[in-house]
N, C-alpha and C. Protein backbone atom coordinates (compact mmCIF):
# COMPACT_ATOMS: atom_id res chain seq x y z
N MET A 1 -50.89 -160.98 -13.78
CA MET A 1 -51.80 -161.34 -12.74
C MET A 1 -51.76 -163.07 -13.00
N THR A 2 -51.53 -163.63 -11.83
CA THR A 2 -51.45 -164.97 -11.84
C THR A 2 -52.96 -165.75 -11.55
N GLU A 3 -53.04 -167.16 -11.86
CA GLU A 3 -54.27 -167.78 -12.05
C GLU A 3 -54.98 -167.88 -10.70
N GLU A 4 -54.05 -167.84 -9.55
CA GLU A 4 -54.53 -167.97 -8.37
C GLU A 4 -55.27 -166.53 -7.82
N GLU A 5 -54.92 -165.60 -8.17
CA GLU A 5 -55.48 -164.04 -7.99
C GLU A 5 -57.09 -163.99 -8.00
N PRO A 6 -57.63 -164.38 -9.39
CA PRO A 6 -58.95 -164.57 -9.71
C PRO A 6 -59.54 -165.40 -8.54
N GLY A 7 -59.25 -166.56 -8.42
CA GLY A 7 -59.72 -167.56 -7.38
C GLY A 7 -59.85 -167.32 -5.85
N ALA A 8 -58.68 -166.47 -5.60
CA ALA A 8 -58.61 -165.85 -4.31
C ALA A 8 -59.75 -164.72 -3.97
N ARG A 9 -59.92 -164.21 -5.12
CA ARG A 9 -61.29 -162.82 -4.92
C ARG A 9 -62.49 -163.57 -4.70
N ARG A 10 -62.72 -164.86 -5.04
CA ARG A 10 -63.91 -165.41 -5.13
C ARG A 10 -64.52 -165.45 -3.64
N PRO A 11 -63.90 -165.83 -2.81
CA PRO A 11 -64.42 -165.73 -1.60
C PRO A 11 -64.76 -164.31 -0.53
N ALA A 12 -63.94 -163.57 -1.16
CA ALA A 12 -64.03 -162.22 -0.66
C ALA A 12 -65.52 -161.73 -1.22
N ALA A 13 -65.69 -162.16 -2.67
CA ALA A 13 -66.68 -161.42 -3.25
C ALA A 13 -68.12 -162.13 -3.17
N MET A 14 -67.86 -163.57 -2.51
CA MET A 14 -69.23 -164.05 -1.92
C MET A 14 -69.69 -163.51 -0.60
N ALA A 15 -68.64 -163.02 0.13
CA ALA A 15 -68.83 -162.58 1.39
C ALA A 15 -69.22 -161.28 1.45
N LEU A 16 -68.81 -160.53 0.45
CA LEU A 16 -69.15 -159.19 0.19
C LEU A 16 -70.52 -158.58 0.66
N PRO A 17 -71.47 -159.34 -0.17
CA PRO A 17 -73.02 -158.84 -0.17
C PRO A 17 -73.49 -158.90 1.41
N ALA A 18 -73.20 -160.03 2.06
CA ALA A 18 -73.36 -160.09 3.49
C ALA A 18 -72.81 -159.29 4.40
N VAL A 19 -71.59 -158.86 4.11
CA VAL A 19 -70.82 -158.01 5.04
C VAL A 19 -71.42 -156.48 4.80
N ALA A 20 -71.64 -156.28 3.55
CA ALA A 20 -72.22 -154.75 2.93
C ALA A 20 -73.47 -154.58 3.68
N ALA A 21 -74.30 -155.64 3.55
CA ALA A 21 -75.65 -155.47 3.98
C ALA A 21 -75.66 -155.28 5.38
N ALA A 22 -74.89 -155.83 6.21
CA ALA A 22 -74.71 -155.70 7.59
C ALA A 22 -74.25 -154.27 8.36
N CYS A 23 -73.46 -153.76 7.29
CA CYS A 23 -72.72 -152.39 7.59
C CYS A 23 -73.87 -151.43 7.06
N VAL A 24 -74.48 -151.52 5.87
CA VAL A 24 -75.68 -150.59 5.52
C VAL A 24 -76.55 -150.59 6.72
N TYR A 25 -77.25 -151.70 7.04
CA TYR A 25 -78.21 -152.00 8.19
C TYR A 25 -77.79 -151.16 9.38
N ALA A 26 -76.58 -151.27 9.97
CA ALA A 26 -76.10 -150.90 11.41
C ALA A 26 -76.23 -149.20 10.74
N TRP A 27 -75.64 -148.52 9.61
CA TRP A 27 -75.43 -147.15 9.64
C TRP A 27 -77.07 -146.73 9.18
N ALA A 28 -77.97 -147.54 8.87
CA ALA A 28 -79.26 -146.94 8.28
C ALA A 28 -80.09 -146.88 9.92
N ARG A 29 -79.63 -148.26 10.79
CA ARG A 29 -80.36 -148.21 11.96
C ARG A 29 -80.00 -147.43 12.83
N TRP A 30 -78.57 -146.54 12.89
CA TRP A 30 -78.28 -145.38 13.77
C TRP A 30 -78.93 -144.26 13.07
N CYS A 31 -78.78 -144.05 11.74
CA CYS A 31 -79.42 -142.88 11.17
C CYS A 31 -80.75 -142.61 11.31
N PHE A 32 -81.69 -143.54 11.50
CA PHE A 32 -83.01 -143.66 11.57
C PHE A 32 -83.36 -143.78 13.24
N GLY A 33 -82.56 -143.76 14.15
CA GLY A 33 -82.43 -143.96 15.41
C GLY A 33 -82.92 -142.58 15.71
N GLY A 34 -83.26 -142.44 17.46
CA GLY A 34 -84.12 -141.26 18.17
C GLY A 34 -83.22 -140.01 17.89
N SER A 35 -83.00 -139.42 19.04
CA SER A 35 -82.44 -138.27 19.29
C SER A 35 -80.88 -138.25 19.04
N ALA A 36 -80.21 -139.23 18.80
CA ALA A 36 -78.66 -139.35 18.58
C ALA A 36 -78.39 -139.74 17.05
N ALA A 37 -79.62 -139.53 16.18
CA ALA A 37 -79.39 -139.74 14.68
C ALA A 37 -78.63 -138.49 14.19
N PRO A 38 -77.78 -138.64 13.38
CA PRO A 38 -76.95 -137.80 12.58
C PRO A 38 -77.96 -136.91 11.79
N SER A 39 -77.54 -135.68 10.99
CA SER A 39 -78.08 -134.92 10.19
C SER A 39 -78.20 -135.64 9.05
N ALA A 40 -79.45 -135.20 8.18
CA ALA A 40 -79.80 -136.06 6.89
C ALA A 40 -78.62 -135.92 5.94
N THR A 41 -78.06 -134.76 6.02
CA THR A 41 -76.89 -134.45 4.68
C THR A 41 -75.64 -135.49 5.24
N PHE A 42 -75.30 -135.66 6.59
CA PHE A 42 -74.33 -136.78 6.75
C PHE A 42 -74.84 -138.19 6.91
N ALA A 43 -76.35 -138.68 7.03
CA ALA A 43 -76.81 -139.91 6.94
C ALA A 43 -76.68 -140.23 5.38
N VAL A 44 -76.94 -139.40 4.32
CA VAL A 44 -77.08 -139.53 3.08
C VAL A 44 -75.77 -139.81 2.32
N ALA A 45 -75.13 -138.95 2.96
CA ALA A 45 -73.46 -138.80 2.30
C ALA A 45 -72.78 -140.31 2.63
N GLY A 46 -72.89 -140.68 3.81
CA GLY A 46 -72.39 -141.86 4.43
C GLY A 46 -73.01 -143.15 3.77
N GLY A 47 -74.19 -142.99 3.79
CA GLY A 47 -74.90 -144.34 3.04
C GLY A 47 -74.57 -144.20 1.39
N ALA A 48 -74.12 -143.25 1.00
CA ALA A 48 -73.69 -143.12 -0.64
C ALA A 48 -72.29 -143.65 -0.56
N VAL A 49 -71.66 -143.22 0.40
CA VAL A 49 -70.20 -143.72 0.48
C VAL A 49 -70.30 -145.18 0.79
N LEU A 50 -70.89 -145.93 1.54
CA LEU A 50 -71.03 -147.37 1.92
C LEU A 50 -71.62 -148.08 0.60
N LEU A 51 -72.48 -147.41 0.09
CA LEU A 51 -73.25 -148.35 -1.07
C LEU A 51 -72.27 -148.37 -2.08
N LEU A 52 -71.61 -147.04 -2.67
CA LEU A 52 -70.83 -147.06 -3.91
C LEU A 52 -69.47 -148.06 -3.57
N GLY A 53 -69.14 -147.75 -2.35
CA GLY A 53 -67.76 -148.57 -1.74
C GLY A 53 -68.18 -150.04 -2.09
N ALA A 54 -69.38 -150.75 -1.69
CA ALA A 54 -69.56 -152.04 -1.89
C ALA A 54 -69.31 -152.34 -3.38
N ALA A 55 -70.27 -151.51 -4.01
CA ALA A 55 -70.87 -151.98 -5.63
C ALA A 55 -69.12 -151.77 -6.06
N VAL A 56 -68.41 -150.86 -5.96
CA VAL A 56 -67.02 -151.00 -6.69
C VAL A 56 -66.11 -152.28 -6.26
N ALA A 57 -66.24 -152.37 -4.87
CA ALA A 57 -65.46 -153.40 -4.41
C ALA A 57 -66.03 -154.90 -4.97
N TYR A 58 -67.15 -154.99 -5.23
CA TYR A 58 -67.77 -156.31 -5.90
C TYR A 58 -67.39 -156.14 -7.28
N PHE A 59 -67.35 -155.32 -8.01
CA PHE A 59 -66.93 -155.15 -9.36
C PHE A 59 -65.54 -155.55 -9.57
N ALA A 60 -64.89 -154.91 -8.64
CA ALA A 60 -63.27 -155.28 -8.64
C ALA A 60 -62.85 -156.63 -8.27
N ALA A 61 -63.74 -157.55 -7.56
CA ALA A 61 -63.27 -158.64 -7.18
C ALA A 61 -63.94 -159.63 -8.07
N VAL A 62 -65.18 -159.28 -8.79
CA VAL A 62 -65.81 -160.44 -9.85
C VAL A 62 -65.38 -159.92 -11.22
N ARG A 63 -65.57 -158.80 -11.66
CA ARG A 63 -65.14 -158.34 -12.93
C ARG A 63 -65.99 -158.81 -14.00
N GLY A 64 -65.99 -158.00 -15.18
CA GLY A 64 -66.64 -158.44 -16.31
C GLY A 64 -68.10 -158.17 -16.20
N ALA A 65 -68.80 -158.90 -17.18
CA ALA A 65 -70.38 -158.53 -17.23
C ALA A 65 -71.09 -159.19 -15.74
N GLY A 66 -70.76 -160.27 -15.23
CA GLY A 66 -71.08 -160.93 -14.09
C GLY A 66 -70.83 -159.71 -12.82
N GLY A 67 -69.64 -159.05 -12.98
CA GLY A 67 -69.44 -158.22 -11.87
C GLY A 67 -70.18 -156.75 -11.94
N LEU A 68 -70.53 -156.45 -13.06
CA LEU A 68 -71.18 -155.37 -13.78
C LEU A 68 -72.62 -155.47 -13.17
N PHE A 69 -73.22 -156.64 -13.50
CA PHE A 69 -74.67 -156.83 -12.89
C PHE A 69 -74.67 -157.29 -11.45
N GLY A 70 -73.71 -157.90 -10.95
CA GLY A 70 -73.62 -158.41 -9.57
C GLY A 70 -73.51 -157.21 -8.72
N ALA A 71 -72.89 -155.84 -9.18
CA ALA A 71 -72.65 -155.06 -8.55
C ALA A 71 -73.93 -154.06 -8.35
N LEU A 72 -75.05 -154.16 -9.64
CA LEU A 72 -76.09 -153.35 -9.60
C LEU A 72 -77.05 -154.13 -8.69
N LEU A 73 -77.00 -155.48 -8.74
CA LEU A 73 -77.87 -156.13 -7.98
C LEU A 73 -77.58 -156.00 -6.56
N LEU A 74 -76.20 -156.02 -6.06
CA LEU A 74 -75.71 -155.40 -4.52
C LEU A 74 -76.22 -154.16 -4.26
N ALA A 75 -76.17 -153.12 -5.39
CA ALA A 75 -76.60 -151.56 -4.97
C ALA A 75 -78.13 -151.73 -4.48
N LEU A 76 -79.09 -152.45 -5.57
CA LEU A 76 -80.35 -152.33 -5.18
C LEU A 76 -80.76 -153.27 -3.87
N GLY A 77 -79.87 -154.33 -3.63
CA GLY A 77 -80.23 -154.97 -2.68
C GLY A 77 -79.98 -154.03 -1.38
N LEU A 78 -78.85 -153.39 -1.08
CA LEU A 78 -78.58 -152.45 -0.29
C LEU A 78 -79.42 -151.41 -0.09
N LEU A 79 -80.04 -150.73 -0.98
CA LEU A 79 -80.97 -150.04 -0.97
C LEU A 79 -82.56 -150.36 -0.20
N SER A 80 -82.71 -151.84 -0.84
CA SER A 80 -83.86 -152.48 -0.02
C SER A 80 -83.65 -152.64 1.40
N THR A 81 -82.34 -152.81 1.60
CA THR A 81 -81.96 -152.95 3.23
C THR A 81 -82.17 -151.81 4.02
N VAL A 82 -82.08 -150.76 3.33
CA VAL A 82 -82.14 -149.28 3.97
C VAL A 82 -83.65 -149.13 3.88
N ALA A 83 -84.41 -149.50 2.94
CA ALA A 83 -85.89 -149.28 3.02
C ALA A 83 -86.68 -150.31 4.21
N ALA A 84 -85.90 -151.53 4.34
CA ALA A 84 -86.47 -152.43 5.51
C ALA A 84 -86.33 -151.69 6.67
N THR A 85 -85.15 -151.27 7.06
CA THR A 85 -84.66 -150.73 8.19
C THR A 85 -85.42 -149.63 8.39
N GLU A 86 -85.53 -148.54 7.27
CA GLU A 86 -86.52 -147.48 7.78
C GLU A 86 -88.06 -147.83 8.08
N GLN A 87 -88.70 -148.87 7.39
CA GLN A 87 -89.82 -149.17 7.58
C GLN A 87 -89.91 -149.60 9.08
N ALA A 88 -88.87 -150.44 9.55
CA ALA A 88 -88.85 -151.12 10.96
C ALA A 88 -88.80 -150.19 12.08
N ALA A 89 -88.01 -148.75 11.71
CA ALA A 89 -87.78 -148.03 12.60
C ALA A 89 -88.55 -146.83 12.46
N ALA A 90 -89.56 -146.66 11.42
CA ALA A 90 -90.00 -145.09 11.16
C ALA A 90 -91.22 -144.92 12.39
N ARG A 91 -91.86 -146.00 12.73
CA ARG A 91 -93.05 -145.81 14.05
C ARG A 91 -92.29 -146.38 15.08
N GLY A 92 -91.42 -145.84 15.83
CA GLY A 92 -90.71 -146.51 16.97
C GLY A 92 -91.46 -146.60 18.43
N ALA A 93 -92.57 -145.59 18.34
CA ALA A 93 -93.38 -145.60 19.77
C ALA A 93 -94.67 -145.98 19.63
N VAL A 94 -95.38 -146.66 20.71
CA VAL A 94 -96.41 -147.11 20.66
C VAL A 94 -97.19 -146.36 21.67
N ALA A 95 -98.69 -145.74 21.47
CA ALA A 95 -99.28 -145.36 22.34
C ALA A 95 -100.77 -145.92 22.65
N ALA A 96 -101.26 -145.97 23.55
CA ALA A 96 -102.79 -146.22 23.86
C ALA A 96 -103.68 -145.20 23.90
N CYS A 97 -104.39 -144.91 22.92
CA CYS A 97 -105.31 -143.80 22.82
C CYS A 97 -106.98 -144.06 22.91
N VAL A 98 -107.42 -142.91 23.27
CA VAL A 98 -108.93 -143.04 23.29
C VAL A 98 -109.53 -142.58 22.18
N VAL A 99 -110.44 -143.18 21.63
CA VAL A 99 -111.30 -142.52 20.48
C VAL A 99 -112.20 -141.54 20.77
N ARG A 100 -112.21 -140.42 20.59
CA ARG A 100 -112.93 -139.39 20.64
C ARG A 100 -114.05 -139.44 19.20
N GLU A 101 -113.79 -139.78 18.20
CA GLU A 101 -114.77 -139.73 17.14
C GLU A 101 -114.21 -140.81 15.88
N SER A 102 -115.14 -141.08 15.38
CA SER A 102 -114.81 -142.26 14.44
C SER A 102 -115.84 -141.86 13.34
N ARG A 103 -115.22 -141.97 11.98
CA ARG A 103 -116.43 -141.58 10.95
C ARG A 103 -115.76 -142.26 9.53
N ALA A 104 -116.80 -142.72 8.92
CA ALA A 104 -116.12 -143.65 7.72
C ALA A 104 -116.30 -142.39 6.34
N GLU A 105 -115.54 -142.82 5.43
CA GLU A 105 -115.40 -141.90 4.24
C GLU A 105 -115.15 -142.86 3.22
N VAL A 106 -115.97 -143.01 2.10
CA VAL A 106 -115.93 -143.91 0.92
C VAL A 106 -114.88 -142.89 -0.03
N GLU A 107 -113.96 -143.96 -0.58
CA GLU A 107 -113.07 -143.00 -1.63
C GLU A 107 -113.20 -143.96 -2.82
N ALA A 108 -113.22 -143.11 -3.83
CA ALA A 108 -113.14 -143.89 -5.27
C ALA A 108 -111.89 -144.44 -5.54
N SER A 109 -111.28 -145.60 -6.24
CA SER A 109 -110.42 -146.00 -6.61
C SER A 109 -110.30 -145.79 -8.11
N PHE A 110 -108.95 -145.25 -8.61
CA PHE A 110 -108.81 -145.05 -10.17
C PHE A 110 -108.22 -146.15 -10.55
N GLY A 111 -107.79 -147.44 -9.86
CA GLY A 111 -107.19 -148.40 -10.66
C GLY A 111 -107.54 -149.16 -11.19
N GLU A 112 -107.17 -150.38 -11.80
CA GLU A 112 -108.04 -151.54 -12.34
C GLU A 112 -109.16 -151.82 -11.49
N GLY A 113 -110.24 -152.07 -11.89
CA GLY A 113 -111.34 -152.41 -11.24
C GLY A 113 -112.20 -151.24 -10.58
N GLY A 114 -111.47 -150.34 -10.41
CA GLY A 114 -112.35 -149.18 -9.97
C GLY A 114 -113.47 -149.26 -8.68
N ALA A 115 -112.92 -150.12 -7.90
CA ALA A 115 -113.88 -150.41 -6.79
C ALA A 115 -113.79 -149.28 -5.69
N GLU A 116 -114.72 -148.95 -5.02
CA GLU A 116 -114.79 -148.03 -4.12
C GLU A 116 -114.12 -148.47 -2.71
N LYS A 117 -113.37 -147.72 -1.64
CA LYS A 117 -113.09 -148.12 -0.68
C LYS A 117 -113.48 -147.38 0.54
N THR A 118 -113.89 -147.98 1.46
CA THR A 118 -114.14 -147.52 2.74
C THR A 118 -113.14 -147.30 3.76
N VAL A 119 -112.66 -146.21 4.05
CA VAL A 119 -111.57 -145.72 5.07
C VAL A 119 -112.21 -145.00 6.29
N TYR A 120 -111.55 -145.62 7.28
CA TYR A 120 -112.19 -144.88 8.65
C TYR A 120 -110.83 -144.04 9.29
N ARG A 121 -111.53 -142.96 9.60
CA ARG A 121 -110.62 -141.67 10.47
C ARG A 121 -111.16 -141.71 11.66
N LEU A 122 -110.14 -141.71 12.69
CA LEU A 122 -110.27 -141.69 14.05
C LEU A 122 -109.72 -140.55 14.50
N ALA A 123 -110.41 -139.55 15.40
CA ALA A 123 -109.57 -138.51 16.23
C ALA A 123 -109.70 -139.09 17.53
N LEU A 124 -108.51 -139.00 18.26
CA LEU A 124 -107.72 -139.46 19.20
C LEU A 124 -107.61 -138.64 20.20
N ASP A 125 -107.79 -139.19 21.67
CA ASP A 125 -107.05 -138.50 22.73
C ASP A 125 -105.80 -139.65 22.96
N CYS A 126 -104.66 -138.95 22.83
CA CYS A 126 -103.42 -139.77 23.42
C CYS A 126 -102.62 -139.28 24.36
N PRO A 127 -101.99 -139.93 25.26
CA PRO A 127 -100.83 -139.29 26.17
C PRO A 127 -100.37 -138.32 25.38
N GLY A 128 -99.97 -137.16 26.01
CA GLY A 128 -98.84 -135.99 25.28
C GLY A 128 -99.61 -135.25 24.08
N GLY A 129 -100.79 -135.75 23.78
CA GLY A 129 -101.68 -134.76 22.55
C GLY A 129 -101.32 -135.41 21.31
N TYR A 130 -100.33 -136.33 21.09
CA TYR A 130 -99.84 -136.67 19.62
C TYR A 130 -99.87 -138.30 19.87
N PRO A 131 -100.37 -139.10 18.79
CA PRO A 131 -101.25 -138.28 17.59
C PRO A 131 -102.81 -138.07 17.98
N ALA A 132 -103.04 -137.18 17.35
CA ALA A 132 -104.41 -136.57 17.50
C ALA A 132 -105.47 -137.14 16.43
N GLU A 133 -104.77 -137.83 15.28
CA GLU A 133 -105.75 -138.64 14.24
C GLU A 133 -104.99 -139.92 13.61
N LEU A 134 -105.95 -140.98 13.49
CA LEU A 134 -105.42 -141.97 12.73
C LEU A 134 -106.14 -141.76 11.45
N LYS A 135 -105.62 -141.43 10.10
CA LYS A 135 -106.32 -141.11 8.98
C LYS A 135 -106.64 -142.60 8.26
N ASP A 136 -106.21 -143.69 8.47
CA ASP A 136 -106.35 -144.85 7.74
C ASP A 136 -106.61 -146.32 8.83
N ALA A 137 -107.65 -146.18 9.74
CA ALA A 137 -107.80 -147.17 10.45
C ALA A 137 -108.21 -148.25 9.61
N PRO A 138 -108.29 -149.76 10.10
CA PRO A 138 -108.52 -150.69 9.29
C PRO A 138 -110.07 -150.87 9.66
N SER A 139 -110.70 -150.49 10.88
CA SER A 139 -112.10 -150.61 11.05
C SER A 139 -112.64 -149.28 11.92
N ALA A 140 -114.14 -149.26 12.06
CA ALA A 140 -114.54 -148.28 12.89
C ALA A 140 -114.41 -148.82 14.30
N GLU A 141 -113.91 -147.86 15.07
CA GLU A 141 -114.22 -147.93 16.41
C GLU A 141 -115.21 -147.08 17.20
N PRO A 142 -115.82 -147.63 18.37
CA PRO A 142 -116.76 -146.93 18.87
C PRO A 142 -116.13 -145.60 19.72
N ARG A 143 -116.97 -144.98 20.14
CA ARG A 143 -116.48 -143.71 20.85
C ARG A 143 -116.18 -144.08 22.19
N GLY A 144 -114.71 -143.72 22.48
CA GLY A 144 -114.36 -144.23 24.03
C GLY A 144 -113.73 -145.30 24.07
N GLY A 145 -113.79 -146.07 22.77
CA GLY A 145 -112.89 -147.23 22.62
C GLY A 145 -111.20 -146.88 22.61
N GLU A 146 -110.50 -147.98 23.02
CA GLU A 146 -109.06 -147.57 22.93
C GLU A 146 -108.35 -148.53 21.74
N VAL A 147 -107.60 -147.73 21.17
CA VAL A 147 -106.91 -148.40 20.11
C VAL A 147 -105.26 -148.08 20.31
N ARG A 148 -104.37 -148.95 19.83
CA ARG A 148 -103.02 -148.86 20.07
C ARG A 148 -102.52 -148.45 18.58
N VAL A 149 -101.45 -147.13 18.70
CA VAL A 149 -101.39 -146.52 17.64
C VAL A 149 -99.72 -146.52 17.58
N ALA A 150 -99.08 -146.89 16.53
CA ALA A 150 -97.40 -146.69 16.36
C ALA A 150 -97.36 -145.27 15.40
N TYR A 151 -96.22 -144.56 15.99
CA TYR A 151 -96.15 -143.21 15.61
C TYR A 151 -94.53 -143.01 15.90
N ASP A 152 -94.11 -141.75 14.90
CA ASP A 152 -92.86 -141.43 15.01
C ASP A 152 -92.83 -140.32 16.01
N PRO A 153 -92.08 -140.29 16.98
CA PRO A 153 -92.14 -139.18 18.24
C PRO A 153 -91.64 -137.79 17.35
N ARG A 154 -90.43 -138.16 16.03
CA ARG A 154 -90.15 -137.10 15.38
C ARG A 154 -91.22 -136.48 14.35
N ARG A 155 -91.95 -137.20 14.18
CA ARG A 155 -93.18 -136.56 13.37
C ARG A 155 -92.86 -136.91 11.79
N ARG A 156 -91.87 -137.88 11.24
CA ARG A 156 -91.51 -137.88 10.17
C ARG A 156 -92.57 -138.71 9.14
N VAL A 157 -93.40 -139.52 9.65
CA VAL A 157 -94.23 -140.14 9.16
C VAL A 157 -95.64 -140.33 9.86
N SER A 158 -96.80 -140.79 8.91
CA SER A 158 -98.05 -140.56 9.90
C SER A 158 -98.22 -141.63 10.70
N PRO A 159 -98.96 -141.63 11.59
CA PRO A 159 -99.08 -142.61 12.51
C PRO A 159 -99.97 -143.78 11.84
N ALA A 160 -100.12 -145.13 12.33
CA ALA A 160 -100.64 -146.35 12.05
C ALA A 160 -101.00 -146.88 13.03
N PRO A 161 -102.07 -148.17 12.61
CA PRO A 161 -102.57 -148.91 13.77
C PRO A 161 -101.23 -149.75 13.93
N ALA A 162 -100.77 -150.08 15.49
CA ALA A 162 -99.48 -150.83 15.82
C ALA A 162 -100.00 -152.15 15.35
N GLY A 163 -98.52 -152.56 15.15
CA GLY A 163 -98.65 -154.09 14.56
C GLY A 163 -98.79 -153.97 13.09
N GLU A 164 -99.23 -152.93 12.60
CA GLU A 164 -99.19 -153.00 10.86
C GLU A 164 -98.21 -152.55 10.15
N GLY A 165 -98.02 -153.18 9.02
CA GLY A 165 -96.88 -152.61 8.10
C GLY A 165 -95.68 -153.01 8.64
N PRO A 166 -95.47 -154.52 8.65
CA PRO A 166 -93.91 -154.84 8.88
C PRO A 166 -93.23 -154.98 7.64
N PRO A 167 -91.97 -154.90 7.70
CA PRO A 167 -90.87 -154.52 6.52
C PRO A 167 -90.55 -155.89 5.89
N TRP A 168 -91.57 -156.64 5.75
CA TRP A 168 -91.35 -158.10 5.09
C TRP A 168 -90.92 -157.90 3.66
N GLN A 169 -91.62 -157.22 3.12
CA GLN A 169 -91.46 -157.04 1.53
C GLN A 169 -90.13 -156.48 1.15
N ALA A 170 -89.83 -155.36 1.64
CA ALA A 170 -88.67 -154.72 1.30
C ALA A 170 -87.41 -155.79 1.94
N ALA A 171 -87.50 -156.42 2.94
CA ALA A 171 -86.57 -157.26 3.65
C ALA A 171 -86.12 -158.90 2.67
N LEU A 172 -87.47 -159.12 2.32
CA LEU A 172 -87.25 -160.19 1.27
C LEU A 172 -86.75 -160.07 -0.07
N THR A 173 -86.80 -158.91 -0.58
CA THR A 173 -86.44 -158.17 -1.66
C THR A 173 -84.92 -158.09 -1.50
N ALA A 174 -84.41 -157.47 -0.58
CA ALA A 174 -83.06 -157.21 -0.02
C ALA A 174 -82.39 -158.71 -0.01
N LEU A 175 -83.02 -159.49 0.48
CA LEU A 175 -82.42 -160.78 0.78
C LEU A 175 -82.33 -161.70 -0.71
N LEU A 176 -83.50 -161.57 -1.75
CA LEU A 176 -83.33 -162.09 -2.81
C LEU A 176 -82.17 -161.42 -3.62
N LEU A 177 -82.06 -160.14 -3.70
CA LEU A 177 -81.12 -159.43 -4.53
C LEU A 177 -79.46 -159.62 -3.94
N LEU A 178 -79.54 -159.66 -2.63
CA LEU A 178 -78.02 -160.08 -2.02
C LEU A 178 -77.68 -161.38 -2.34
N ALA A 179 -78.69 -162.45 -2.33
CA ALA A 179 -78.31 -163.89 -2.59
C ALA A 179 -77.99 -163.94 -4.23
N LEU A 180 -78.90 -163.20 -4.93
CA LEU A 180 -78.28 -163.41 -6.51
C LEU A 180 -77.07 -162.73 -6.89
N CYS A 181 -76.49 -161.68 -5.96
CA CYS A 181 -75.27 -161.33 -6.41
C CYS A 181 -74.53 -162.31 -5.68
N THR A 182 -74.37 -162.73 -4.92
CA THR A 182 -73.54 -163.97 -4.17
C THR A 182 -73.39 -164.90 -5.12
N VAL A 183 -74.69 -165.57 -5.86
CA VAL A 183 -74.37 -166.51 -6.63
C VAL A 183 -73.72 -166.11 -7.75
N LEU A 184 -73.90 -165.01 -8.31
CA LEU A 184 -73.03 -164.64 -9.53
C LEU A 184 -71.54 -164.56 -9.12
N ALA A 185 -71.10 -164.26 -7.70
CA ALA A 185 -69.87 -164.30 -7.31
C ALA A 185 -69.24 -165.52 -7.28
N ALA A 186 -70.06 -166.75 -6.89
CA ALA A 186 -69.83 -167.64 -6.74
C ALA A 186 -69.72 -168.56 -8.24
N ALA A 187 -70.31 -168.14 -8.98
CA ALA A 187 -70.22 -168.79 -10.44
C ALA A 187 -69.47 -168.26 -11.38
N ARG A 188 -68.54 -167.26 -10.89
CA ARG A 188 -67.58 -166.62 -11.91
C ARG A 188 -66.36 -167.35 -11.90
N ARG A 189 -66.36 -167.51 -13.02
CA ARG A 189 -65.01 -168.22 -13.56
C ARG A 189 -63.66 -167.27 -13.82
N PRO A 190 -62.34 -167.58 -13.46
CA PRO A 190 -61.68 -166.61 -13.88
C PRO A 190 -61.26 -166.72 -15.25
N ALA A 191 -60.99 -165.57 -15.61
CA ALA A 191 -60.79 -165.36 -17.09
C ALA A 191 -59.48 -166.46 -17.41
N GLY A 192 -59.56 -166.85 -18.61
CA GLY A 192 -58.41 -167.73 -19.33
C GLY A 192 -57.43 -167.01 -19.63
N PRO A 193 -56.04 -167.59 -19.67
CA PRO A 193 -54.83 -167.01 -20.27
C PRO A 193 -54.76 -166.26 -21.35
């Protein structure tokens, strides 16, 4: 192996996190899509091939301890990309629903502080009959009032108030991890003779 070969791999290793994240995002977006989505088995198998392929390619390009840690960071970053994509696509439909009934329930918290939390549950009349209930509304709504509810037409996740729960945390985690493995690839020096 000549000395130019490790240096020639560096730009490819630096570009790999961004390219892999774009591919995994496109794959996850298609898999979490509506009626044209593939089966869960095919989606998971394809995602695993993309994730493992990217990690192995990164390790082969960077090598050594930096390659191993970078490949692990890359795999975690790609999993965070999938999580952000899933959160963004999970509740793809929004309905304007009329409140039939609103009730408040006090729930005990068993974490640090042990404070009680008030949870509002709304019985709804929505076009098409779904969703029929919003279990964790941010506030009580008057009977006959209108609320906008984001929901998954395939009913894989519970409905939530529209505009709530953007995937920022998972997206920022993905960006941080992908940036770290890019920095590792850029800082990696070729092995001496």
